[in-house]
Amino acid sequence: MHGLHPIEDYETGQVVVRKFDADAEIADAWIRLRSGNALPEDHVLLEHELTELSCLREHPGATYQEAHRVANENYNRQSRVPLNKREDFEGEW
């Protein structure tokens, strides 16, 4: 089940096992981090994601949403997502 995670389906509320959805804001943050142009919000994202990962490892069977709620207690990235900061991954890094 590598790469598959228990996730609450947004429509049914049932737990399904699948891959995470793509997230453009996360992709943009990685581009900025890799290019050395990170925003403070990008570091919050890293802490948030690390906290989610730790929660999922410490609590096998926990859903993504449960880990996300735990991560938001200290690293709420939704409240700090930079708006309209689309990055150009085609250009120089």
C-alpha atoms as a PDB file:
ATOM      1  CA  MET A   1       0.000   0.000   0.000  1.00  0.00           C
ATOM      2  CA  HIS A   2       2.937   2.327  -0.580  1.00  0.00           C
ATOM      3  CA  GLY A   3       1.626   5.758  -1.511  1.00  0.00           C
ATOM      4  CA  LEU A   4      -1.925   4.930  -0.449  1.00  0.00           C
ATOM      5  CA  HIS A   5      -3.541   6.504   2.591  1.00  0.00           C
ATOM      6  CA  PRO A   6      -6.847   6.276   4.492  1.00  0.00           C
ATOM      7  CA  ILE A   7      -8.752   9.413   3.510  1.00  0.00           C
ATOM      8  CA  GLU A   8     -12.308  10.450   4.338  1.00  0.00           C
ATOM      9  CA  ASP A   9     -14.207  10.835   1.065  1.00  0.00           C
ATOM     10  CA  TYR A  10     -15.443  14.427   0.858  1.00  0.00           C
ATOM     11  CA  GLU A  11     -18.826  13.426  -0.592  1.00  0.00           C
ATOM     12  CA  THR A  12     -19.713  10.288   1.371  1.00  0.00           C
ATOM     13  CA  GLY A  13     -17.683  10.669   4.557  1.00  0.00           C
ATOM     14  CA  GLN A  14     -16.578   7.049   4.165  1.00  0.00           C
ATOM     15  CA  VAL A  15     -12.909   6.198   4.607  1.00  0.00           C
ATOM     16  CA  VAL A  16     -11.275   5.132   1.346  1.00  0.00           C
ATOM     17  CA  VAL A  17      -7.674   4.143   0.684  1.00  0.00           C
ATOM     18  CA  ARG A  18      -6.122   6.143  -2.136  1.00  0.00           C
ATOM     19  CA  LYS A  19      -3.353   8.540  -3.104  1.00  0.00           C
ATOM     20  CA  PHE A  20      -3.366  12.158  -1.980  1.00  0.00           C
ATOM     21  CA  ASP A  21      -4.807  14.740  -4.367  1.00  0.00           C
ATOM     22  CA  ALA A  22      -2.372  17.036  -6.140  1.00  0.00           C
ATOM     23  CA  ASP A  23      -2.027  20.453  -4.502  1.00  0.00           C
ATOM     24  CA  ALA A  24      -0.807  23.423  -6.550  1.00  0.00           C
ATOM     25  CA  GLU A  25       0.082  25.489  -3.466  1.00  0.00           C
ATOM     26  CA  ILE A  26       2.340  22.707  -2.183  1.00  0.00           C
ATOM     27  CA  ALA A  27       3.986  22.397  -5.596  1.00  0.00           C
ATOM     28  CA  ASP A  28       4.603  26.152  -5.669  1.00  0.00           C
ATOM     29  CA  ALA A  29       6.078  26.073  -2.167  1.00  0.00           C
ATOM     30  CA  TRP A  30       8.511  23.315  -3.190  1.00  0.00           C
ATOM     31  CA  ILE A  31       9.585  25.344  -6.218  1.00  0.00           C
ATOM     32  CA  ARG A  32      10.280  28.366  -4.006  1.00  0.00           C
ATOM     33  CA  LEU A  33      12.088  26.271  -1.392  1.00  0.00           C
ATOM     34  CA  ARG A  34      14.265  24.567  -3.973  1.00  0.00           C
ATOM     35  CA  SER A  35      15.128  27.833  -5.719  1.00  0.00           C
ATOM     36  CA  GLY A  36      16.097  29.558  -2.467  1.00  0.00           C
ATOM     37  CA  ASN A  37      13.136  31.950  -2.657  1.00  0.00           C
ATOM     38  CA  ALA A  38      11.103  30.486   0.191  1.00  0.00           C
ATOM     39  CA  LEU A  39       8.429  32.515   1.911  1.00  0.00           C
ATOM     40  CA  PRO A  40       7.819  32.229   5.674  1.00  0.00           C
ATOM     41  CA  GLU A  41       4.583  30.423   4.766  1.00  0.00           C
ATOM     42  CA  ASP A  42       6.596  27.728   2.980  1.00  0.00           C
ATOM     43  CA  HIS A  43       8.384  26.876   6.222  1.00  0.00           C
ATOM     44  CA  VAL A  44       5.016  26.619   7.986  1.00  0.00           C
ATOM     45  CA  LEU A  45       3.993  24.189   5.230  1.00  0.00           C
ATOM     46  CA  LEU A  46       7.059  22.007   5.909  1.00  0.00           C
ATOM     47  CA  GLU A  47       6.314  21.905   9.645  1.00  0.00           C
ATOM     48  CA  HIS A  48       2.658  21.154   8.893  1.00  0.00           C
ATOM     49  CA  GLU A  49       3.527  18.272   6.560  1.00  0.00           C
ATOM     50  CA  LEU A  50       6.110  16.853   8.987  1.00  0.00           C
ATOM     51  CA  THR A  51       3.534  16.950  11.783  1.00  0.00           C
ATOM     52  CA  GLU A  52       0.989  15.134   9.586  1.00  0.00           C
ATOM     53  CA  LEU A  53       3.561  12.475   8.723  1.00  0.00           C
ATOM     54  CA  SER A  54       4.542  12.004  12.367  1.00  0.00           C
ATOM     55  CA  CYS A  55       0.896  11.696  13.378  1.00  0.00           C
ATOM     56  CA  LEU A  56       0.187   9.099  10.695  1.00  0.00           C
ATOM     57  CA  ARG A  57       3.262   7.076  11.701  1.00  0.00           C
ATOM     58  CA  GLU A  58       2.438   7.234  15.409  1.00  0.00           C
ATOM     59  CA  HIS A  59      -1.231   6.365  14.860  1.00  0.00           C
ATOM     60  CA  PRO A  60      -1.536   3.662  12.185  1.00  0.00           C
ATOM     61  CA  GLY A  61      -5.021   3.714  10.729  1.00  0.00           C
ATOM     62  CA  ALA A  62      -5.535   7.423  11.406  1.00  0.00           C
ATOM     63  CA  THR A  63      -7.041   9.219   8.443  1.00  0.00           C
ATOM     64  CA  TYR A  64      -5.407  12.073   6.597  1.00  0.00           C
ATOM     65  CA  GLN A  65      -8.075  14.427   7.960  1.00  0.00           C
ATOM     66  CA  GLU A  66      -7.268  13.422  11.552  1.00  0.00           C
ATOM     67  CA  ALA A  67      -3.550  14.043  10.986  1.00  0.00           C
ATOM     68  CA  HIS A  68      -4.370  17.304   9.224  1.00  0.00           C
ATOM     69  CA  ARG A  69      -6.383  18.542  12.216  1.00  0.00           C
ATOM     70  CA  VAL A  70      -3.483  17.696  14.551  1.00  0.00           C
ATOM     71  CA  ALA A  71      -1.016  19.521  12.288  1.00  0.00           C
ATOM     72  CA  ASN A  72      -3.274  22.582  12.111  1.00  0.00           C
ATOM     73  CA  GLU A  73      -3.164  22.955  15.891  1.00  0.00           C
ATOM     74  CA  ASN A  74       0.408  24.284  15.624  1.00  0.00           C
ATOM     75  CA  TYR A  75       1.045  24.821  11.914  1.00  0.00           C
ATOM     76  CA  ASN A  76      -2.143  26.015  10.230  1.00  0.00           C
ATOM     77  CA  ARG A  77      -1.004  26.471   6.665  1.00  0.00           C
ATOM     78  CA  GLN A  78      -4.511  27.243   5.326  1.00  0.00           C
ATOM     79  CA  SER A  79      -4.465  30.532   7.174  1.00  0.00           C
ATOM     80  CA  ARG A  80      -1.071  31.358   5.633  1.00  0.00           C
ATOM     81  CA  VAL A  81      -1.296  30.253   1.992  1.00  0.00           C
ATOM     82  CA  PRO A  82       0.162  33.022  -0.186  1.00  0.00           C
ATOM     83  CA  LEU A  83      -2.463  34.136  -2.673  1.00  0.00           C
ATOM     84  CA  ASN A  84      -1.670  34.409  -6.369  1.00  0.00           C
ATOM     85  CA  LYS A  85       1.927  33.262  -5.944  1.00  0.00           C
ATOM     86  CA  ARG A  86       2.002  30.910  -8.934  1.00  0.00           C
ATOM     87  CA  GLU A  87       5.546  29.820  -9.623  1.00  0.00           C
ATOM     88  CA  ASP A  88       7.119  29.198 -13.026  1.00  0.00           C
ATOM     89  CA  PHE A  89       8.720  25.775 -12.901  1.00  0.00           C
ATOM     90  CA  GLU A  90       9.920  26.184 -16.494  1.00  0.00           C
ATOM     91  CA  GLY A  91      12.279  29.046 -15.650  1.00  0.00           C
ATOM     92  CA  GLU A  92      15.622  29.047 -13.847  1.00  0.00           C
ATOM     93  CA  TRP A  93      15.768  27.763 -10.293  1.00  0.00           C
END
